[in-house]
PDB file of N, CA and C in Angstrom:
ATOM      1  N   MET A   1       0.810  -1.205   0.000  1.00  0.00           N
ATOM      2  CA  MET A   1       0.000   0.000   0.000  1.00  0.00           C
ATOM      3  C   MET A   1       0.854   1.270   0.000  1.00  0.00           C
ATOM      4  N   ALA A   2       2.104   1.173   0.409  1.00  0.00           N
ATOM      5  CA  ALA A   2       2.960   2.364   0.488  1.00  0.00           C
ATOM      6  C   ALA A   2       3.076   3.083  -0.856  1.00  0.00           C
ATOM      7  N   PRO A   3       3.281   2.371  -1.984  1.00  0.00           N
ATOM      8  CA  PRO A   3       3.356   3.084  -3.267  1.00  0.00           C
ATOM      9  C   PRO A   3       2.059   3.832  -3.597  1.00  0.00           C
ATOM     10  N   LEU A   4       0.928   3.234  -3.264  1.00  0.00           N
ATOM     11  CA  LEU A   4      -0.356   3.890  -3.533  1.00  0.00           C
ATOM     12  C   LEU A   4      -0.488   5.165  -2.705  1.00  0.00           C
ATOM     13  N   HIS A   5      -0.082   5.107  -1.454  1.00  0.00           N
ATOM     14  CA  HIS A   5      -0.124   6.297  -0.601  1.00  0.00           C
ATOM     15  C   HIS A   5       0.794   7.391  -1.138  1.00  0.00           C
ATOM     16  N   LYS A   6       1.956   7.021  -1.641  1.00  0.00           N
ATOM     17  CA  LYS A   6       2.887   8.011  -2.199  1.00  0.00           C
ATOM     18  C   LYS A   6       2.362   8.606  -3.502  1.00  0.00           C
ATOM     19  N   PHE A   7       1.658   7.803  -4.283  1.00  0.00           N
ATOM     20  CA  PHE A   7       1.132   8.230  -5.574  1.00  0.00           C
ATOM     21  C   PHE A   7      -0.157   9.040  -5.442  1.00  0.00           C
ATOM     22  N   ASN A   8      -0.858   8.909  -4.333  1.00  0.00           N
ATOM     23  CA  ASN A   8      -2.173   9.524  -4.174  1.00  0.00           C
ATOM     24  C   ASN A   8      -2.190  11.044  -4.361  1.00  0.00           C
ATOM     25  N   PRO A   9      -1.215  11.810  -3.843  1.00  0.00           N
ATOM     26  CA  PRO A   9      -1.267  13.261  -4.078  1.00  0.00           C
ATOM     27  C   PRO A   9      -1.265  13.631  -5.561  1.00  0.00           C
ATOM     28  N   LEU A  10      -0.525  12.893  -6.362  1.00  0.00           N
ATOM     29  CA  LEU A  10      -0.497  13.150  -7.801  1.00  0.00           C
ATOM     30  C   LEU A  10      -1.846  12.805  -8.433  1.00  0.00           C
ATOM     31  N   ARG A  11      -2.409  11.683  -8.024  1.00  0.00           N
ATOM     32  CA  ARG A  11      -3.728  11.261  -8.516  1.00  0.00           C
ATOM     33  C   ARG A  11      -4.788  12.290  -8.162  1.00  0.00           C
ATOM     34  N   LEU A  12      -4.774  12.733  -6.911  1.00  0.00           N
ATOM     35  CA  LEU A  12      -5.745  13.721  -6.456  1.00  0.00           C
ATOM     36  C   LEU A  12      -5.594  15.032  -7.221  1.00  0.00           C
ATOM     37  N   ALA A  13      -4.369  15.491  -7.396  1.00  0.00           N
ATOM     38  CA  ALA A  13      -4.129  16.739  -8.121  1.00  0.00           C
ATOM     39  C   ALA A  13      -4.629  16.644  -9.562  1.00  0.00           C
ATOM     40  N   TYR A  14      -4.388  15.514 -10.203  1.00  0.00           N
ATOM     41  CA  TYR A  14      -4.837  15.332 -11.586  1.00  0.00           C
ATOM     42  C   TYR A  14      -6.359  15.413 -11.671  1.00  0.00           C
ATOM     43  N   ILE A  15      -7.045  14.694 -10.795  1.00  0.00           N
ATOM     44  CA  ILE A  15      -8.513  14.673 -10.821  1.00  0.00           C
ATOM     45  C   ILE A  15      -9.068  16.047 -10.468  1.00  0.00           C
ATOM     46  N   ARG A  16      -8.509  16.678  -9.431  1.00  0.00           N
ATOM     47  CA  ARG A  16      -8.960  18.023  -9.031  1.00  0.00           C
ATOM     48  C   ARG A  16      -8.789  19.002 -10.189  1.00  0.00           C
ATOM     49  N   ASP A  17      -7.607  19.009 -10.798  1.00  0.00           N
ATOM     50  CA  ASP A  17      -7.335  19.948 -11.881  1.00  0.00           C
ATOM     51  C   ASP A  17      -8.205  19.695 -13.101  1.00  0.00           C
ATOM     52  N   ALA A  18      -8.405  18.425 -13.448  1.00  0.00           N
ATOM     53  CA  ALA A  18      -9.247  18.101 -14.608  1.00  0.00           C
ATOM     54  C   ALA A  18     -10.696  18.511 -14.351  1.00  0.00           C
ATOM     55  N   ALA A  19     -11.204  18.248 -13.156  1.00  0.00           N
ATOM     56  CA  ALA A  19     -12.582  18.638 -12.834  1.00  0.00           C
ATOM     57  C   ALA A  19     -12.721  20.155 -12.831  1.00  0.00           C
ATOM     58  N   CYS A  20     -11.730  20.843 -12.295  1.00  0.00           N
ATOM     59  CA  CYS A  20     -11.788  22.312 -12.257  1.00  0.00           C
ATOM     60  C   CYS A  20     -11.748  22.901 -13.663  1.00  0.00           C
ATOM     61  N   ARG A  21     -10.922  22.343 -14.534  1.00  0.00           N
ATOM     62  CA  ARG A  21     -10.902  22.812 -15.930  1.00  0.00           C
ATOM     63  C   ARG A  21     -12.248  22.574 -16.594  1.00  0.00           C
ATOM     64  N   ARG A  22     -12.797  21.373 -16.398  1.00  0.00           N
ATOM     65  CA  ARG A  22     -14.050  20.989 -17.051  1.00  0.00           C
ATOM     66  C   ARG A  22     -15.225  21.847 -16.583  1.00  0.00           C
ATOM     67  N   PHE A  23     -15.245  22.189 -15.299  1.00  0.00           N
ATOM     68  CA  PHE A  23     -16.388  22.902 -14.743  1.00  0.00           C
ATOM     69  C   PHE A  23     -16.090  24.350 -14.391  1.00  0.00           C
ATOM     70  N   GLY A  24     -14.966  24.889 -14.895  1.00  0.00           N
ATOM     71  CA  GLY A  24     -14.657  26.300 -14.713  1.00  0.00           C
ATOM     72  C   GLY A  24     -14.423  26.701 -13.271  1.00  0.00           C
ATOM     73  N   ARG A  25     -13.677  25.889 -12.544  1.00  0.00           N
ATOM     74  CA  ARG A  25     -13.390  26.149 -11.141  1.00  0.00           C
ATOM     75  C   ARG A  25     -11.935  26.572 -10.965  1.00  0.00           C
ATOM     76  N   ASP A  26     -11.648  27.198  -9.839  1.00  0.00           N
ATOM     77  CA  ASP A  26     -10.284  27.575  -9.481  1.00  0.00           C
ATOM     78  C   ASP A  26      -9.723  26.499  -8.556  1.00  0.00           C
ATOM     79  N   ALA A  27      -8.770  25.716  -9.051  1.00  0.00           N
ATOM     80  CA  ALA A  27      -8.205  24.594  -8.285  1.00  0.00           C
ATOM     81  C   ALA A  27      -7.477  25.046  -7.030  1.00  0.00           C
ATOM     82  N   ARG A  28      -7.174  26.331  -6.922  1.00  0.00           N
ATOM     83  CA  ARG A  28      -6.483  26.834  -5.723  1.00  0.00           C
ATOM     84  C   ARG A  28      -7.438  27.068  -4.555  1.00  0.00           C
ATOM     85  N   GLN A  29      -8.734  27.067  -4.814  1.00  0.00           N
ATOM     86  CA  GLN A  29      -9.731  27.257  -3.757  1.00  0.00           C
ATOM     87  C   GLN A  29      -9.894  25.965  -2.954  1.00  0.00           C
ATOM     88  N   LEU A  30      -9.983  26.092  -1.641  1.00  0.00           N
ATOM     89  CA  LEU A  30     -10.104  24.910  -0.788  1.00  0.00           C
ATOM     90  C   LEU A  30     -11.386  24.120  -1.046  1.00  0.00           C
ATOM     91  N   ASP A  31     -12.433  24.793  -1.515  1.00  0.00           N
ATOM     92  CA  ASP A  31     -13.701  24.119  -1.794  1.00  0.00           C
ATOM     93  C   ASP A  31     -13.985  24.068  -3.296  1.00  0.00           C
ATOM     94  N   CYS A  32     -12.924  23.880  -4.076  1.00  0.00           N
ATOM     95  CA  CYS A  32     -13.033  23.960  -5.536  1.00  0.00           C
ATOM     96  C   CYS A  32     -13.974  22.918  -6.151  1.00  0.00           C
ATOM     97  N   LEU A  33     -14.281  21.857  -5.434  1.00  0.00           N
ATOM     98  CA  LEU A  33     -15.178  20.831  -5.976  1.00  0.00           C
ATOM     99  C   LEU A  33     -16.583  20.914  -5.398  1.00  0.00           C
ATOM    100  N   ALA A  34     -16.874  21.977  -4.639  1.00  0.00           N
ATOM    101  CA  ALA A  34     -18.197  22.144  -4.046  1.00  0.00           C
ATOM    102  C   ALA A  34     -19.271  22.140  -5.126  1.00  0.00           C
ATOM    103  N   GLY A  35     -20.329  21.403  -4.872  1.00  0.00           N
ATOM    104  CA  GLY A  35     -21.431  21.324  -5.825  1.00  0.00           C
ATOM    105  C   GLY A  35     -21.276  20.213  -6.845  1.00  0.00           C
ATOM    106  N   LEU A  36     -20.110  19.576  -6.910  1.00  0.00           N
ATOM    107  CA  LEU A  36     -19.913  18.459  -7.835  1.00  0.00           C
ATOM    108  C   LEU A  36     -20.173  17.155  -7.095  1.00  0.00           C
ATOM    109  N   ARG A  37     -20.714  16.198  -7.817  1.00  0.00           N
ATOM    110  CA  ARG A  37     -20.919  14.861  -7.279  1.00  0.00           C
ATOM    111  C   ARG A  37     -19.918  13.937  -7.941  1.00  0.00           C
ATOM    112  N   MET A  38     -19.220  13.126  -7.157  1.00  0.00           N
ATOM    113  CA  MET A  38     -18.196  12.238  -7.694  1.00  0.00           C
ATOM    114  C   MET A  38     -18.456  10.807  -7.273  1.00  0.00           C
ATOM    115  N   LEU A  39     -18.169   9.902  -8.181  1.00  0.00           N
ATOM    116  CA  LEU A  39     -18.301   8.478  -7.942  1.00  0.00           C
ATOM    117  C   LEU A  39     -16.918   7.865  -8.081  1.00  0.00           C
ATOM    118  N   ASP A  40     -16.389   7.332  -6.984  1.00  0.00           N
ATOM    119  CA  ASP A  40     -15.072   6.704  -6.974  1.00  0.00           C
ATOM    120  C   ASP A  40     -15.271   5.196  -7.011  1.00  0.00           C
ATOM    121  N   ILE A  41     -15.124   4.623  -8.210  1.00  0.00           N
ATOM    122  CA  ILE A  41     -15.324   3.194  -8.401  1.00  0.00           C
ATOM    123  C   ILE A  41     -14.031   2.473  -8.034  1.00  0.00           C
ATOM    124  N   GLY A  42     -14.144   1.464  -7.192  1.00  0.00           N
ATOM    125  CA  GLY A  42     -12.963   0.755  -6.720  1.00  0.00           C
ATOM    126  C   GLY A  42     -12.234   1.572  -5.674  1.00  0.00           C
ATOM    127  N   CYS A  43     -12.988   2.185  -4.771  1.00  0.00           N
ATOM    128  CA  CYS A  43     -12.439   3.150  -3.821  1.00  0.00           C
ATOM    129  C   CYS A  43     -11.565   2.530  -2.746  1.00  0.00           C
ATOM    130  N   GLY A  44     -11.642   1.215  -2.563  1.00  0.00           N
ATOM    131  CA  GLY A  44     -10.836   0.565  -1.531  1.00  0.00           C
ATOM    132  C   GLY A  44     -11.164   1.139  -0.168  1.00  0.00           C
ATOM    133  N   GLY A  45     -10.141   1.619   0.528  1.00  0.00           N
ATOM    134  CA  GLY A  45     -10.333   2.180   1.856  1.00  0.00           C
ATOM    135  C   GLY A  45     -10.631   3.664   1.854  1.00  0.00           C
ATOM    136  N   GLY A  46     -10.892   4.244   0.694  1.00  0.00           N
ATOM    137  CA  GLY A  46     -11.272   5.656   0.614  1.00  0.00           C
ATOM    138  C   GLY A  46     -10.111   6.614   0.475  1.00  0.00           C
ATOM    139  N   LEU A  47      -8.970   6.121   0.036  1.00  0.00           N
ATOM    140  CA  LEU A  47      -7.772   6.941  -0.071  1.00  0.00           C
ATOM    141  C   LEU A  47      -7.965   8.163  -0.974  1.00  0.00           C
ATOM    142  N   LEU A  48      -8.767   8.041  -1.990  1.00  0.00           N
ATOM    143  CA  LEU A  48      -9.058   9.160  -2.889  1.00  0.00           C
ATOM    144  C   LEU A  48     -10.392   9.824  -2.546  1.00  0.00           C
ATOM    145  N   SER A  49     -11.352   9.041  -2.090  1.00  0.00           N
ATOM    146  CA  SER A  49     -12.691   9.567  -1.799  1.00  0.00           C
ATOM    147  C   SER A  49     -12.669  10.661  -0.744  1.00  0.00           C
ATOM    148  N   GLU A  50     -11.951  10.438   0.343  1.00  0.00           N
ATOM    149  CA  GLU A  50     -11.932  11.420   1.430  1.00  0.00           C
ATOM    150  C   GLU A  50     -11.331  12.759   1.013  1.00  0.00           C
ATOM    151  N   PRO A  51     -10.179  12.792   0.344  1.00  0.00           N
ATOM    152  CA  PRO A  51      -9.652  14.092  -0.081  1.00  0.00           C
ATOM    153  C   PRO A  51     -10.588  14.820  -1.057  1.00  0.00           C
ATOM    154  N   LEU A  52     -11.273  14.074  -1.925  1.00  0.00           N
ATOM    155  CA  LEU A  52     -12.228  14.710  -2.837  1.00  0.00           C
ATOM    156  C   LEU A  52     -13.362  15.349  -2.042  1.00  0.00           C
ATOM    157  N   ALA A  53     -13.826  14.661  -1.003  1.00  0.00           N
ATOM    158  CA  ALA A  53     -14.885  15.216  -0.152  1.00  0.00           C
ATOM    159  C   ALA A  53     -14.377  16.447   0.602  1.00  0.00           C
ATOM    160  N   ARG A  54     -13.126  16.423   1.048  1.00  0.00           N
ATOM    161  CA  ARG A  54     -12.567  17.588   1.741  1.00  0.00           C
ATOM    162  C   ARG A  54     -12.488  18.810   0.825  1.00  0.00           C
ATOM    163  N   LEU A  55     -12.394  18.566  -0.483  1.00  0.00           N
ATOM    164  CA  LEU A  55     -12.374  19.668  -1.449  1.00  0.00           C
ATOM    165  C   LEU A  55     -13.788  20.134  -1.805  1.00  0.00           C
ATOM    166  N   GLY A  56     -14.791  19.551  -1.152  1.00  0.00           N
ATOM    167  CA  GLY A  56     -16.163  20.022  -1.319  1.00  0.00           C
ATOM    168  C   GLY A  56     -17.084  19.135  -2.122  1.00  0.00           C
ATOM    169  N   ALA A  57     -16.562  18.109  -2.777  1.00  0.00           N
ATOM    170  CA  ALA A  57     -17.408  17.245  -3.595  1.00  0.00           C
ATOM    171  C   ALA A  57     -18.298  16.370  -2.722  1.00  0.00           C
ATOM    172  N   THR A  58     -19.450  16.020  -3.261  1.00  0.00           N
ATOM    173  CA  THR A  58     -20.296  14.999  -2.676  1.00  0.00           C
ATOM    174  C   THR A  58     -19.830  13.696  -3.303  1.00  0.00           C
ATOM    175  N   VAL A  59     -19.327  12.762  -2.482  1.00  0.00           N
ATOM    176  CA  VAL A  59     -18.647  11.582  -3.010  1.00  0.00           C
ATOM    177  C   VAL A  59     -19.370  10.299  -2.622  1.00  0.00           C
ATOM    178  N   VAL A  60     -19.524   9.426  -3.622  1.00  0.00           N
ATOM    179  CA  VAL A  60     -19.941   8.046  -3.394  1.00  0.00           C
ATOM    180  C   VAL A  60     -18.716   7.198  -3.691  1.00  0.00           C
ATOM    181  N   GLY A  61     -18.298   6.404  -2.712  1.00  0.00           N
ATOM    182  CA  GLY A  61     -17.189   5.476  -2.885  1.00  0.00           C
ATOM    183  C   GLY A  61     -17.738   4.066  -2.983  1.00  0.00           C
ATOM    184  N   ALA A  62     -17.454   3.374  -4.081  1.00  0.00           N
ATOM    185  CA  ALA A  62     -17.973   2.029  -4.309  1.00  0.00           C
ATOM    186  C   ALA A  62     -16.823   1.033  -4.412  1.00  0.00           C
ATOM    187  N   ASP A  63     -16.949  -0.070  -3.695  1.00  0.00           N
ATOM    188  CA  ASP A  63     -15.946  -1.128  -3.738  1.00  0.00           C
ATOM    189  C   ASP A  63     -16.638  -2.449  -3.425  1.00  0.00           C
ATOM    190  N   PRO A  64     -16.253  -3.534  -4.099  1.00  0.00           N
ATOM    191  CA  PRO A  64     -16.916  -4.811  -3.830  1.00  0.00           C
ATOM    192  C   PRO A  64     -16.518  -5.445  -2.498  1.00  0.00           C
ATOM    193  N   SER A  65     -15.442  -4.984  -1.888  1.00  0.00           N
ATOM    194  CA  SER A  65     -14.986  -5.561  -0.634  1.00  0.00           C
ATOM    195  C   SER A  65     -15.681  -4.917   0.564  1.00  0.00           C
ATOM    196  N   VAL A  66     -16.464  -5.707   1.277  1.00  0.00           N
ATOM    197  CA  VAL A  66     -17.160  -5.209   2.465  1.00  0.00           C
ATOM    198  C   VAL A  66     -16.139  -4.750   3.504  1.00  0.00           C
ATOM    199  N   ALA A  67     -15.041  -5.477   3.635  1.00  0.00           N
ATOM    200  CA  ALA A  67     -14.003  -5.098   4.607  1.00  0.00           C
ATOM    201  C   ALA A  67     -13.404  -3.734   4.263  1.00  0.00           C
ATOM    202  N   ASN A  68     -13.148  -3.482   2.987  1.00  0.00           N
ATOM    203  CA  ASN A  68     -12.624  -2.178   2.567  1.00  0.00           C
ATOM    204  C   ASN A  68     -13.608  -1.064   2.889  1.00  0.00           C
ATOM    205  N   ILE A  69     -14.871  -1.304   2.599  1.00  0.00           N
ATOM    206  CA  ILE A  69     -15.899  -0.283   2.840  1.00  0.00           C
ATOM    207  C   ILE A  69     -16.037  -0.002   4.329  1.00  0.00           C
ATOM    208  N   GLU A  70     -16.016  -1.040   5.148  1.00  0.00           N
ATOM    209  CA  GLU A  70     -16.117  -0.828   6.594  1.00  0.00           C
ATOM    210  C   GLU A  70     -14.922  -0.028   7.110  1.00  0.00           C
ATOM    211  N   ALA A  71     -13.719  -0.349   6.625  1.00  0.00           N
ATOM    212  CA  ALA A  71     -12.522   0.406   7.026  1.00  0.00           C
ATOM    213  C   ALA A  71     -12.639   1.861   6.578  1.00  0.00           C
ATOM    214  N   ALA A  72     -13.128   2.073   5.358  1.00  0.00           N
ATOM    215  CA  ALA A  72     -13.289   3.434   4.837  1.00  0.00           C
ATOM    216  C   ALA A  72     -14.318   4.211   5.658  1.00  0.00           C
ATOM    217  N   ARG A  73     -15.409   3.570   6.008  1.00  0.00           N
ATOM    218  CA  ARG A  73     -16.446   4.233   6.822  1.00  0.00           C
ATOM    219  C   ARG A  73     -15.896   4.646   8.187  1.00  0.00           C
ATOM    220  N   LEU A  74     -15.153   3.745   8.810  1.00  0.00           N
ATOM    221  CA  LEU A  74     -14.571   4.053  10.117  1.00  0.00           C
ATOM    222  C   LEU A  74     -13.592   5.220  10.024  1.00  0.00           C
ATOM    223  N   HIS A  75     -12.740   5.196   9.011  1.00  0.00           N
ATOM    224  CA  HIS A  75     -11.754   6.266   8.857  1.00  0.00           C
ATOM    225  C   HIS A  75     -12.441   7.598   8.582  1.00  0.00           C
ATOM    226  N   ALA A  76     -13.446   7.592   7.724  1.00  0.00           N
ATOM    227  CA  ALA A  76     -14.169   8.830   7.411  1.00  0.00           C
ATOM    228  C   ALA A  76     -14.870   9.378   8.652  1.00  0.00           C
ATOM    229  N   ALA A  77     -15.454   8.496   9.438  1.00  0.00           N
ATOM    230  CA  ALA A  77     -16.130   8.935  10.662  1.00  0.00           C
ATOM    231  C   ALA A  77     -15.126   9.532  11.644  1.00  0.00           C
ATOM    232  N   ASP A  78     -13.979   8.883  11.797  1.00  0.00           N
ATOM    233  CA  ASP A  78     -12.931   9.401  12.688  1.00  0.00           C
ATOM    234  C   ASP A  78     -12.384  10.739  12.210  1.00  0.00           C
ATOM    235  N   SER A  79     -12.371  10.926  10.882  1.00  0.00           N
ATOM    236  CA  SER A  79     -11.835  12.153  10.294  1.00  0.00           C
ATOM    237  C   SER A  79     -12.875  13.257  10.159  1.00  0.00           C
ATOM    238  N   GLY A  80     -14.143  12.914  10.378  1.00  0.00           N
ATOM    239  CA  GLY A  80     -15.206  13.902  10.224  1.00  0.00           C
ATOM    240  C   GLY A  80     -15.500  14.264   8.783  1.00  0.00           C
ATOM    241  N   VAL A  81     -15.277  13.322   7.874  1.00  0.00           N
ATOM    242  CA  VAL A  81     -15.500  13.550   6.450  1.00  0.00           C
ATOM    243  C   VAL A  81     -16.716  12.747   6.011  1.00  0.00           C
ATOM    244  N   ALA A  82     -17.616  13.389   5.281  1.00  0.00           N
ATOM    245  CA  ALA A  82     -18.833  12.723   4.817  1.00  0.00           C
ATOM    246  C   ALA A  82     -18.618  12.119   3.433  1.00  0.00           C
ATOM    247  N   VAL A  83     -18.610  10.795   3.370  1.00  0.00           N
ATOM    248  CA  VAL A  83     -18.540  10.065   2.105  1.00  0.00           C
ATOM    249  C   VAL A  83     -19.572   8.959   2.180  1.00  0.00           C
ATOM    250  N   ASP A  84     -20.323   8.784   1.112  1.00  0.00           N
ATOM    251  CA  ASP A  84     -21.321   7.720   1.031  1.00  0.00           C
ATOM    252  C   ASP A  84     -20.625   6.470   0.485  1.00  0.00           C
ATOM    253  N   TYR A  85     -20.166   5.602   1.386  1.00  0.00           N
ATOM    254  CA  TYR A  85     -19.476   4.380   0.968  1.00  0.00           C
ATOM    255  C   TYR A  85     -20.479   3.265   0.766  1.00  0.00           C
ATOM    256  N   ARG A  86     -20.299   2.518  -0.325  1.00  0.00           N
ATOM    257  CA  ARG A  86     -21.212   1.430  -0.652  1.00  0.00           C
ATOM    258  C   ARG A  86     -20.426   0.189  -1.058  1.00  0.00           C
ATOM    259  N   ALA A  87     -20.765  -0.933  -0.463  1.00  0.00           N
ATOM    260  CA  ALA A  87     -20.172  -2.205  -0.845  1.00  0.00           C
ATOM    261  C   ALA A  87     -20.951  -2.718  -2.053  1.00  0.00           C
ATOM    262  N   THR A  88     -20.396  -2.476  -3.234  1.00  0.00           N
ATOM    263  CA  THR A  88     -21.068  -2.843  -4.470  1.00  0.00           C
ATOM    264  C   THR A  88     -20.038  -2.911  -5.591  1.00  0.00           C
ATOM    265  N   THR A  89     -20.456  -3.412  -6.718  1.00  0.00           N
ATOM    266  CA  THR A  89     -19.595  -3.445  -7.897  1.00  0.00           C
ATOM    267  C   THR A  89     -19.951  -2.280  -8.813  1.00  0.00           C
ATOM    268  N   ALA A  90     -19.098  -2.012  -9.774  1.00  0.00           N
ATOM    269  CA  ALA A  90     -19.369  -0.933 -10.730  1.00  0.00           C
ATOM    270  C   ALA A  90     -20.653  -1.209 -11.499  1.00  0.00           C
ATOM    271  N   ARG A  91     -20.920  -2.443 -11.754  1.00  0.00           N
ATOM    272  CA  ARG A  91     -22.129  -2.810 -12.492  1.00  0.00           C
ATOM    273  C   ARG A  91     -23.385  -2.473 -11.702  1.00  0.00           C
ATOM    274  N   ARG A  92     -23.313  -2.594 -10.376  1.00  0.00           N
ATOM    275  CA  ARG A  92     -24.469  -2.328  -9.523  1.00  0.00           C
ATOM    276  C   ARG A  92     -24.487  -0.915  -8.953  1.00  0.00           C
ATOM    277  N   SER A  93     -23.420  -0.171  -9.126  1.00  0.00           N
ATOM    278  CA  SER A  93     -23.328   1.159  -8.511  1.00  0.00           C
ATOM    279  C   SER A  93     -24.228   2.159  -9.226  1.00  0.00           C
ATOM    280  N   PRO A  94     -24.380   3.364  -8.662  1.00  0.00           N
ATOM    281  CA  PRO A  94     -25.264   4.364  -9.270  1.00  0.00           C
ATOM    282  C   PRO A  94     -24.898   4.618 -10.725  1.00  0.00           C
ATOM    283  N   LYS A  95     -25.889   4.945 -11.514  1.00  0.00           N
ATOM    284  CA  LYS A  95     -25.651   5.226 -12.925  1.00  0.00           C
ATOM    285  C   LYS A  95     -24.632   6.349 -13.085  1.00  0.00           C
ATOM    286  N   ARG A  96     -23.840   6.271 -14.127  1.00  0.00           N
ATOM    287  CA  ARG A  96     -22.805   7.261 -14.383  1.00  0.00           C
ATOM    288  C   ARG A  96     -23.392   8.665 -14.458  1.00  0.00           C
ATOM    289  N   THR A  97     -24.595   8.791 -14.989  1.00  0.00           N
ATOM    290  CA  THR A  97     -25.193  10.112 -15.123  1.00  0.00           C
ATOM    291  C   THR A  97     -25.601  10.717 -13.793  1.00  0.00           C
ATOM    292  N   SER A  98     -25.565   9.934 -12.706  1.00  0.00           N
ATOM    293  CA  SER A  98     -25.940  10.483 -11.416  1.00  0.00           C
ATOM    294  C   SER A  98     -24.791  11.249 -10.768  1.00  0.00           C
ATOM    295  N   ALA A  99     -23.635  11.260 -11.399  1.00  0.00           N
ATOM    296  CA  ALA A  99     -22.491  11.973 -10.848  1.00  0.00           C
ATOM    297  C   ALA A  99     -21.985  12.978 -11.867  1.00  0.00           C
ATOM    298  N   SER A 100     -21.493  14.106 -11.394  1.00  0.00           N
ATOM    299  CA  SER A 100     -20.876  15.071 -12.288  1.00  0.00           C
ATOM    300  C   SER A 100     -19.593  14.495 -12.850  1.00  0.00           C
ATOM    301  N   THR A 101     -18.838  13.816 -11.992  1.00  0.00           N
ATOM    302  CA  THR A 101     -17.588  13.202 -12.412  1.00  0.00           C
ATOM    303  C   THR A 101     -17.471  11.843 -11.752  1.00  0.00           C
ATOM    304  N   TRP A 102     -16.763  10.966 -12.400  1.00  0.00           N
ATOM    305  CA  TRP A 102     -16.502   9.671 -11.782  1.00  0.00           C
ATOM    306  C   TRP A 102     -15.095   9.263 -12.119  1.00  0.00           C
ATOM    307  N   CYS A 103     -14.521   8.498 -11.218  1.00  0.00           N
ATOM    308  CA  CYS A 103     -13.148   8.079 -11.426  1.00  0.00           C
ATOM    309  C   CYS A 103     -12.980   6.651 -10.952  1.00  0.00           C
ATOM    310  N   SER A 104     -12.063   5.978 -11.532  1.00  0.00           N
ATOM    311  CA  SER A 104     -11.708   4.629 -11.133  1.00  0.00           C
ATOM    312  C   SER A 104     -10.210   4.512 -11.336  1.00  0.00           C
ATOM    313  N   PRO A 105      -9.606   3.417 -10.901  1.00  0.00           N
ATOM    314  CA  PRO A 105      -8.168   3.292 -11.133  1.00  0.00           C
ATOM    315  C   PRO A 105      -7.790   3.312 -12.608  1.00  0.00           C
ATOM    316  N   TRP A 106      -8.743   3.085 -13.513  1.00  0.00           N
ATOM    317  CA  TRP A 106      -8.418   2.964 -14.922  1.00  0.00           C
ATOM    318  C   TRP A 106      -8.993   4.051 -15.809  1.00  0.00           C
ATOM    319  N   ARG A 107      -9.981   4.814 -15.346  1.00  0.00           N
ATOM    320  CA  ARG A 107     -10.655   5.758 -16.236  1.00  0.00           C
ATOM    321  C   ARG A 107     -10.941   7.072 -15.538  1.00  0.00           C
ATOM    322  N   TRP A 108     -11.130   8.083 -16.328  1.00  0.00           N
ATOM    323  CA  TRP A 108     -11.588   9.388 -15.854  1.00  0.00           C
ATOM    324  C   TRP A 108     -12.648   9.844 -16.842  1.00  0.00           C
ATOM    325  N   SER A 109     -13.745  10.326 -16.352  1.00  0.00           N
ATOM    326  CA  SER A 109     -14.807  10.814 -17.219  1.00  0.00           C
ATOM    327  C   SER A 109     -15.510  11.945 -16.529  1.00  0.00           C
ATOM    328  N   SER A 110     -16.080  12.829 -17.302  1.00  0.00           N
ATOM    329  CA  SER A 110     -16.907  13.866 -16.714  1.00  0.00           C
ATOM    330  C   SER A 110     -18.124  14.080 -17.584  1.00  0.00           C
ATOM    331  N   THR A 111     -19.211  14.438 -16.950  1.00  0.00           N
ATOM    332  CA  THR A 111     -20.451  14.754 -17.642  1.00  0.00           C
ATOM    333  C   THR A 111     -20.926  16.086 -17.121  1.00  0.00           C
ATOM    334  N   SER A 112     -21.769  16.725 -17.877  1.00  0.00           N
ATOM    335  CA  SER A 112     -22.300  18.001 -17.425  1.00  0.00           C
ATOM    336  C   SER A 112     -23.163  17.798 -16.202  1.00  0.00           C
ATOM    337  N   PRO A 113     -23.046  18.695 -15.208  1.00  0.00           N
ATOM    338  CA  PRO A 113     -23.892  18.563 -14.031  1.00  0.00           C
ATOM    339  C   PRO A 113     -25.360  18.732 -14.421  1.00  0.00           C
ATOM    340  N   THR A 114     -26.236  17.999 -13.737  1.00  0.00           N
ATOM    341  CA  THR A 114     -27.668  18.098 -14.048  1.00  0.00           C
ATOM    342  C   THR A 114     -28.357  18.997 -13.072  1.00  0.00           C
TER     343      THR A 114
END
């Protein structure tokens, strides 16, 4: 897990910057993702979900591992960060159109907010 933790700031910066460009936001603002809904598919323990929520996004974190989701829920509660964690697969998770942006370890996509 150490490499993933080291890589996470770069991943977060990329997603934050891409979302800000797409939706006309200032990435330097602490709440630059406020009003955006994000779906983190394959969220694991919430390593990316929590920082996105701290930047103001409403985040759904989906992972098929119940143990990962429980760990993520506990960490988010201890940190005071609101993330809607769900033990589910991408196939069963909320429709892509229900989120302004969604991310997974393999893809990045954005849709116009509804």
